[in-house]
């Protein structure tokens, strides 16, 4: 997946997140989906950072891989 495709996917996820958050009448019904969207966004941003770092240091960005939610969500830096 190219950086452009990752960014397009991020945009789609953010658009969906905004639509769900704007639906004030059904906000509680969207809680689980919003949590899942946040996890997916974190995974996408992590993948994009991995690809950029690999490229910066002369490695192949296509070797970057999506990490599991637990790893991404608990990463301490």
PDB file of N, CA and C in Angstrom:
ATOM      1  N   UNK A   1       0.858  -1.175   0.000  1.00  0.00           N
ATOM      2  CA  UNK A   1       0.000   0.000   0.000  1.00  0.00           C
ATOM      3  C   UNK A   1       0.901   1.234   0.000  1.00  0.00           C
ATOM      4  N   UNK A   2       0.613   2.174  -0.864  1.00  0.00           N
ATOM      5  CA  UNK A   2       1.412   3.391  -0.969  1.00  0.00           C
ATOM      6  C   UNK A   2       1.025   4.391   0.127  1.00  0.00           C
ATOM      7  N   UNK A   3       1.907   5.366   0.348  1.00  0.00           N
ATOM      8  CA  UNK A   3       1.606   6.420   1.311  1.00  0.00           C
ATOM      9  C   UNK A   3       0.309   7.127   0.918  1.00  0.00           C
ATOM     10  N   UNK A   4       0.127   7.351  -0.374  1.00  0.00           N
ATOM     11  CA  UNK A   4      -1.078   8.025  -0.849  1.00  0.00           C
ATOM     12  C   UNK A   4      -2.328   7.229  -0.475  1.00  0.00           C
ATOM     13  N   UNK A   5      -2.289   5.914  -0.664  1.00  0.00           N
ATOM     14  CA  UNK A   5      -3.443   5.063  -0.322  1.00  0.00           C
ATOM     15  C   UNK A   5      -3.701   5.076   1.185  1.00  0.00           C
ATOM     16  N   UNK A   6      -2.617   5.059   1.966  1.00  0.00           N
ATOM     17  CA  UNK A   6      -2.774   5.106   3.427  1.00  0.00           C
ATOM     18  C   UNK A   6      -3.434   6.417   3.830  1.00  0.00           C
ATOM     19  N   UNK A   7      -2.974   7.528   3.251  1.00  0.00           N
ATOM     20  CA  UNK A   7      -3.562   8.829   3.566  1.00  0.00           C
ATOM     21  C   UNK A   7      -5.022   8.917   3.117  1.00  0.00           C
ATOM     22  N   UNK A   8      -5.346   8.318   1.982  1.00  0.00           N
ATOM     23  CA  UNK A   8      -6.745   8.283   1.535  1.00  0.00           C
ATOM     24  C   UNK A   8      -7.599   7.486   2.514  1.00  0.00           C
ATOM     25  N   UNK A   9      -7.058   6.380   3.012  1.00  0.00           N
ATOM     26  CA  UNK A   9      -7.791   5.566   3.987  1.00  0.00           C
ATOM     27  C   UNK A   9      -7.975   6.345   5.292  1.00  0.00           C
ATOM     28  N   UNK A  10      -6.937   7.046   5.715  1.00  0.00           N
ATOM     29  CA  UNK A  10      -7.043   7.880   6.922  1.00  0.00           C
ATOM     30  C   UNK A  10      -8.150   8.915   6.742  1.00  0.00           C
ATOM     31  N   UNK A  11      -8.180   9.563   5.584  1.00  0.00           N
ATOM     32  CA  UNK A  11      -9.202  10.573   5.309  1.00  0.00           C
ATOM     33  C   UNK A  11     -10.601   9.967   5.384  1.00  0.00           C
ATOM     34  N   UNK A  12     -10.771   8.788   4.814  1.00  0.00           N
ATOM     35  CA  UNK A  12     -12.079   8.119   4.857  1.00  0.00           C
ATOM     36  C   UNK A  12     -12.480   7.784   6.293  1.00  0.00           C
ATOM     37  N   UNK A  13     -11.525   7.307   7.091  1.00  0.00           N
ATOM     38  CA  UNK A  13     -11.813   6.979   8.489  1.00  0.00           C
ATOM     39  C   UNK A  13     -12.191   8.235   9.280  1.00  0.00           C
ATOM     40  N   UNK A  14     -11.463   9.318   9.060  1.00  0.00           N
ATOM     41  CA  UNK A  14     -11.749  10.572   9.763  1.00  0.00           C
ATOM     42  C   UNK A  14     -13.117  11.113   9.345  1.00  0.00           C
ATOM     43  N   UNK A  15     -13.434  11.021   8.061  1.00  0.00           N
ATOM     44  CA  UNK A  15     -14.757  11.466   7.597  1.00  0.00           C
ATOM     45  C   UNK A  15     -15.870  10.678   8.284  1.00  0.00           C
ATOM     46  N   UNK A  16     -15.688   9.360   8.379  1.00  0.00           N
ATOM     47  CA  UNK A  16     -16.698   8.537   9.052  1.00  0.00           C
ATOM     48  C   UNK A  16     -16.785   8.901  10.528  1.00  0.00           C
ATOM     49  N   UNK A  17     -15.641   9.101  11.152  1.00  0.00           N
ATOM     50  CA  UNK A  17     -15.617   9.481  12.563  1.00  0.00           C
ATOM     51  C   UNK A  17     -16.388  10.780  12.784  1.00  0.00           C
ATOM     52  N   UNK A  18     -16.166  11.757  11.926  1.00  0.00           N
ATOM     53  CA  UNK A  18     -16.869  13.034  12.055  1.00  0.00           C
ATOM     54  C   UNK A  18     -18.376  12.866  11.871  1.00  0.00           C
ATOM     55  N   UNK A  19     -18.777  12.055  10.891  1.00  0.00           N
ATOM     56  CA  UNK A  19     -20.210  11.822  10.689  1.00  0.00           C
ATOM     57  C   UNK A  19     -20.850  11.201  11.934  1.00  0.00           C
ATOM     58  N   UNK A  20     -20.165  10.212  12.509  1.00  0.00           N
ATOM     59  CA  UNK A  20     -20.723   9.549  13.686  1.00  0.00           C
ATOM     60  C   UNK A  20     -20.772  10.489  14.891  1.00  0.00           C
ATOM     61  N   UNK A  21     -19.723  11.280  15.067  1.00  0.00           N
ATOM     62  CA  UNK A  21     -19.709  12.221  16.200  1.00  0.00           C
ATOM     63  C   UNK A  21     -20.761  13.322  16.040  1.00  0.00           C
ATOM     64  N   UNK A  22     -21.072  13.679  14.796  1.00  0.00           N
ATOM     65  CA  UNK A  22     -22.073  14.711  14.550  1.00  0.00           C
ATOM     66  C   UNK A  22     -23.503  14.211  14.756  1.00  0.00           C
ATOM     67  N   UNK A  23     -23.682  12.903  14.835  1.00  0.00           N
ATOM     68  CA  UNK A  23     -25.004  12.312  15.050  1.00  0.00           C
ATOM     69  C   UNK A  23     -25.262  12.254  16.559  1.00  0.00           C
ATOM     70  N   UNK A  24     -25.593  13.402  17.127  1.00  0.00           N
ATOM     71  CA  UNK A  24     -25.757  13.510  18.580  1.00  0.00           C
ATOM     72  C   UNK A  24     -26.865  12.622  19.121  1.00  0.00           C
ATOM     73  N   UNK A  25     -27.891  12.386  18.335  1.00  0.00           N
ATOM     74  CA  UNK A  25     -29.033  11.588  18.786  1.00  0.00           C
ATOM     75  C   UNK A  25     -28.652  10.124  19.010  1.00  0.00           C
ATOM     76  N   UNK A  26     -27.656   9.638  18.286  1.00  0.00           N
ATOM     77  CA  UNK A  26     -27.307   8.216  18.376  1.00  0.00           C
ATOM     78  C   UNK A  26     -25.858   8.014  18.820  1.00  0.00           C
ATOM     79  N   UNK A  27     -25.313   8.971  19.520  1.00  0.00           N
ATOM     80  CA  UNK A  27     -23.904   8.910  19.912  1.00  0.00           C
ATOM     81  C   UNK A  27     -23.574   7.627  20.676  1.00  0.00           C
ATOM     82  N   UNK A  28     -24.429   7.222  21.608  1.00  0.00           N
ATOM     83  CA  UNK A  28     -24.167   6.000  22.380  1.00  0.00           C
ATOM     84  C   UNK A  28     -24.141   4.765  21.494  1.00  0.00           C
ATOM     85  N   UNK A  29     -24.955   4.766  20.446  1.00  0.00           N
ATOM     86  CA  UNK A  29     -24.996   3.625  19.533  1.00  0.00           C
ATOM     87  C   UNK A  29     -23.713   3.516  18.721  1.00  0.00           C
ATOM     88  N   UNK A  30     -22.997   4.619  18.599  1.00  0.00           N
ATOM     89  CA  UNK A  30     -21.785   4.641  17.778  1.00  0.00           C
ATOM     90  C   UNK A  30     -20.503   4.441  18.583  1.00  0.00           C
ATOM     91  N   UNK A  31     -20.610   4.275  19.874  1.00  0.00           N
ATOM     92  CA  UNK A  31     -19.420   4.231  20.730  1.00  0.00           C
ATOM     93  C   UNK A  31     -18.432   3.140  20.312  1.00  0.00           C
ATOM     94  N   UNK A  32     -18.919   1.958  20.053  1.00  0.00           N
ATOM     95  CA  UNK A  32     -18.033   0.849  19.682  1.00  0.00           C
ATOM     96  C   UNK A  32     -17.357   1.115  18.335  1.00  0.00           C
ATOM     97  N   UNK A  33     -18.133   1.611  17.380  1.00  0.00           N
ATOM     98  CA  UNK A  33     -17.557   1.912  16.058  1.00  0.00           C
ATOM     99  C   UNK A  33     -16.523   3.038  16.162  1.00  0.00           C
ATOM    100  N   UNK A  34     -16.798   4.037  16.985  1.00  0.00           N
ATOM    101  CA  UNK A  34     -15.839   5.119  17.179  1.00  0.00           C
ATOM    102  C   UNK A  34     -14.541   4.607  17.791  1.00  0.00           C
ATOM    103  N   UNK A  35     -14.647   3.689  18.723  1.00  0.00           N
ATOM    104  CA  UNK A  35     -13.448   3.104  19.329  1.00  0.00           C
ATOM    105  C   UNK A  35     -12.645   2.360  18.266  1.00  0.00           C
ATOM    106  N   UNK A  36     -13.348   1.595  17.442  1.00  0.00           N
ATOM    107  CA  UNK A  36     -12.681   0.837  16.384  1.00  0.00           C
ATOM    108  C   UNK A  36     -12.031   1.781  15.359  1.00  0.00           C
ATOM    109  N   UNK A  37     -12.705   2.855  15.021  1.00  0.00           N
ATOM    110  CA  UNK A  37     -12.134   3.836  14.096  1.00  0.00           C
ATOM    111  C   UNK A  37     -10.856   4.438  14.663  1.00  0.00           C
ATOM    112  N   UNK A  38     -10.876   4.767  15.952  1.00  0.00           N
ATOM    113  CA  UNK A  38      -9.681   5.340  16.591  1.00  0.00           C
ATOM    114  C   UNK A  38      -8.511   4.359  16.531  1.00  0.00           C
ATOM    115  N   UNK A  39      -8.788   3.088  16.763  1.00  0.00           N
ATOM    116  CA  UNK A  39      -7.743   2.070  16.679  1.00  0.00           C
ATOM    117  C   UNK A  39      -7.192   1.962  15.258  1.00  0.00           C
ATOM    118  N   UNK A  40      -8.090   1.947  14.289  1.00  0.00           N
ATOM    119  CA  UNK A  40      -7.658   1.855  12.891  1.00  0.00           C
ATOM    120  C   UNK A  40      -6.827   3.069  12.487  1.00  0.00           C
ATOM    121  N   UNK A  41      -7.242   4.251  12.942  1.00  0.00           N
ATOM    122  CA  UNK A  41      -6.477   5.458  12.640  1.00  0.00           C
ATOM    123  C   UNK A  41      -5.080   5.382  13.241  1.00  0.00           C
ATOM    124  N   UNK A  42      -4.989   4.928  14.479  1.00  0.00           N
ATOM    125  CA  UNK A  42      -3.674   4.782  15.107  1.00  0.00           C
ATOM    126  C   UNK A  42      -2.798   3.805  14.325  1.00  0.00           C
ATOM    127  N   UNK A  43      -3.386   2.709  13.863  1.00  0.00           N
ATOM    128  CA  UNK A  43      -2.634   1.733  13.072  1.00  0.00           C
ATOM    129  C   UNK A  43      -2.157   2.341  11.751  1.00  0.00           C
ATOM    130  N   UNK A  44      -3.009   3.116  11.103  1.00  0.00           N
ATOM    131  CA  UNK A  44      -2.636   3.736   9.829  1.00  0.00           C
ATOM    132  C   UNK A  44      -1.514   4.749  10.024  1.00  0.00           C
ATOM    133  N   UNK A  45      -1.643   5.600  11.034  1.00  0.00           N
ATOM    134  CA  UNK A  45      -0.587   6.580  11.291  1.00  0.00           C
ATOM    135  C   UNK A  45       0.719   5.885  11.652  1.00  0.00           C
ATOM    136  N   UNK A  46       0.646   4.807  12.415  1.00  0.00           N
ATOM    137  CA  UNK A  46       1.844   4.043  12.761  1.00  0.00           C
ATOM    138  C   UNK A  46       2.501   3.469  11.510  1.00  0.00           C
ATOM    139  N   UNK A  47       1.698   2.913  10.619  1.00  0.00           N
ATOM    140  CA  UNK A  47       2.232   2.354   9.379  1.00  0.00           C
ATOM    141  C   UNK A  47       2.887   3.443   8.537  1.00  0.00           C
ATOM    142  N   UNK A  48       2.250   4.588   8.450  1.00  0.00           N
ATOM    143  CA  UNK A  48       2.812   5.691   7.677  1.00  0.00           C
ATOM    144  C   UNK A  48       4.144   6.149   8.277  1.00  0.00           C
ATOM    145  N   UNK A  49       4.218   6.240   9.606  1.00  0.00           N
ATOM    146  CA  UNK A  49       5.484   6.621  10.268  1.00  0.00           C
ATOM    147  C   UNK A  49       6.562   5.583  10.004  1.00  0.00           C
ATOM    148  N   UNK A  50       6.200   4.300  10.067  1.00  0.00           N
ATOM    149  CA  UNK A  50       7.176   3.244   9.772  1.00  0.00           C
ATOM    150  C   UNK A  50       7.720   3.390   8.354  1.00  0.00           C
ATOM    151  N   UNK A  51       6.828   3.610   7.396  1.00  0.00           N
ATOM    152  CA  UNK A  51       7.231   3.732   5.990  1.00  0.00           C
ATOM    153  C   UNK A  51       8.159   4.931   5.795  1.00  0.00           C
ATOM    154  N   UNK A  52       7.827   6.050   6.418  1.00  0.00           N
ATOM    155  CA  UNK A  52       8.651   7.252   6.290  1.00  0.00           C
ATOM    156  C   UNK A  52      10.020   7.052   6.926  1.00  0.00           C
ATOM    157  N   UNK A  53      10.056   6.395   8.069  1.00  0.00           N
ATOM    158  CA  UNK A  53      11.342   6.132   8.733  1.00  0.00           C
ATOM    159  C   UNK A  53      12.211   5.207   7.889  1.00  0.00           C
ATOM    160  N   UNK A  54      11.608   4.173   7.339  1.00  0.00           N
ATOM    161  CA  UNK A  54      12.372   3.253   6.486  1.00  0.00           C
ATOM    162  C   UNK A  54      12.942   3.993   5.277  1.00  0.00           C
ATOM    163  N   UNK A  55      12.132   4.815   4.667  1.00  0.00           N
ATOM    164  CA  UNK A  55      12.570   5.583   3.504  1.00  0.00           C
ATOM    165  C   UNK A  55      13.708   6.531   3.893  1.00  0.00           C
ATOM    166  N   UNK A  56      13.569   7.198   5.034  1.00  0.00           N
ATOM    167  CA  UNK A  56      14.582   8.151   5.502  1.00  0.00           C
ATOM    168  C   UNK A  56      15.936   7.487   5.708  1.00  0.00           C
ATOM    169  N   UNK A  57      15.930   6.253   6.163  1.00  0.00           N
ATOM    170  CA  UNK A  57      17.180   5.557   6.463  1.00  0.00           C
ATOM    171  C   UNK A  57      17.600   4.586   5.366  1.00  0.00           C
ATOM    172  N   UNK A  58      17.016   4.749   4.173  1.00  0.00           N
ATOM    173  CA  UNK A  58      17.439   3.980   3.015  1.00  0.00           C
ATOM    174  C   UNK A  58      16.907   2.561   2.945  1.00  0.00           C
ATOM    175  N   UNK A  59      15.918   2.252   3.776  1.00  0.00           N
ATOM    176  CA  UNK A  59      15.308   0.923   3.739  1.00  0.00           C
ATOM    177  C   UNK A  59      14.087   0.942   2.827  1.00  0.00           C
ATOM    178  N   UNK A  60      13.594  -0.227   2.517  1.00  0.00           N
ATOM    179  CA  UNK A  60      12.434  -0.374   1.640  1.00  0.00           C
ATOM    180  C   UNK A  60      11.150  -0.123   2.436  1.00  0.00           C
ATOM    181  N   UNK A  61      10.400   0.948   2.115  1.00  0.00           N
ATOM    182  CA  UNK A  61       9.176   1.249   2.869  1.00  0.00           C
ATOM    183  C   UNK A  61       8.098   0.176   2.739  1.00  0.00           C
ATOM    184  N   UNK A  62       8.179  -0.644   1.683  1.00  0.00           N
ATOM    185  CA  UNK A  62       7.167  -1.693   1.526  1.00  0.00           C
ATOM    186  C   UNK A  62       7.346  -2.808   2.552  1.00  0.00           C
ATOM    187  N   UNK A  63       8.465  -2.796   3.272  1.00  0.00           N
ATOM    188  CA  UNK A  63       8.678  -3.790   4.328  1.00  0.00           C
ATOM    189  C   UNK A  63       7.969  -3.422   5.633  1.00  0.00           C
ATOM    190  N   UNK A  64       7.440  -2.206   5.698  1.00  0.00           N
ATOM    191  CA  UNK A  64       6.673  -1.800   6.878  1.00  0.00           C
ATOM    192  C   UNK A  64       5.381  -2.615   6.909  1.00  0.00           C
ATOM    193  N   UNK A  65       4.929  -2.921   8.101  1.00  0.00           N
ATOM    194  CA  UNK A  65       3.725  -3.741   8.243  1.00  0.00           C
ATOM    195  C   UNK A  65       2.803  -3.157   9.304  1.00  0.00           C
ATOM    196  N   UNK A  66       1.514  -3.389   9.109  1.00  0.00           N
ATOM    197  CA  UNK A  66       0.529  -2.970  10.103  1.00  0.00           C
ATOM    198  C   UNK A  66       0.772  -3.765  11.377  1.00  0.00           C
ATOM    199  N   UNK A  67       0.891  -3.043  12.471  1.00  0.00           N
ATOM    200  CA  UNK A  67       1.066  -3.717  13.758  1.00  0.00           C
ATOM    201  C   UNK A  67      -0.288  -3.906  14.427  1.00  0.00           C
ATOM    202  N   UNK A  68      -0.366  -4.890  15.291  1.00  0.00           N
ATOM    203  CA  UNK A  68      -1.643  -5.177  15.954  1.00  0.00           C
ATOM    204  C   UNK A  68      -2.051  -4.016  16.857  1.00  0.00           C
ATOM    205  N   UNK A  69      -3.324  -3.945  17.127  1.00  0.00           N
ATOM    206  CA  UNK A  69      -3.897  -2.846  17.903  1.00  0.00           C
ATOM    207  C   UNK A  69      -3.235  -2.730  19.269  1.00  0.00           C
ATOM    208  N   UNK A  70      -3.030  -3.827  19.951  1.00  0.00           N
ATOM    209  CA  UNK A  70      -2.438  -3.786  21.279  1.00  0.00           C
ATOM    210  C   UNK A  70      -1.055  -3.145  21.249  1.00  0.00           C
ATOM    211  N   UNK A  71      -0.248  -3.490  20.265  1.00  0.00           N
ATOM    212  CA  UNK A  71       1.090  -2.912  20.148  1.00  0.00           C
ATOM    213  C   UNK A  71       1.005  -1.406  19.901  1.00  0.00           C
ATOM    214  N   UNK A  72       0.163  -1.009  18.977  1.00  0.00           N
ATOM    215  CA  UNK A  72       0.043   0.406  18.625  1.00  0.00           C
ATOM    216  C   UNK A  72      -0.542   1.208  19.775  1.00  0.00           C
ATOM    217  N   UNK A  73      -1.553   0.675  20.423  1.00  0.00           N
ATOM    218  CA  UNK A  73      -2.227   1.414  21.479  1.00  0.00           C
ATOM    219  C   UNK A  73      -1.417   1.519  22.769  1.00  0.00           C
ATOM    220  N   UNK A  74      -0.470   0.624  22.981  1.00  0.00           N
ATOM    221  CA  UNK A  74       0.300   0.649  24.226  1.00  0.00           C
ATOM    222  C   UNK A  74       1.737   1.091  24.020  1.00  0.00           C
ATOM    223  N   UNK A  75       2.069   1.544  22.811  1.00  0.00           N
ATOM    224  CA  UNK A  75       3.439   1.964  22.503  1.00  0.00           C
ATOM    225  C   UNK A  75       3.805   3.175  23.355  1.00  0.00           C
ATOM    226  N   UNK A  76       4.961   3.111  23.972  1.00  0.00           N
ATOM    227  CA  UNK A  76       5.401   4.174  24.886  1.00  0.00           C
ATOM    228  C   UNK A  76       6.405   5.122  24.249  1.00  0.00           C
ATOM    229  N   UNK A  77       6.931   4.796  23.075  1.00  0.00           N
ATOM    230  CA  UNK A  77       7.886   5.657  22.375  1.00  0.00           C
ATOM    231  C   UNK A  77       9.211   5.508  22.925  1.00  0.00           C
TER     232      UNK A  77
END
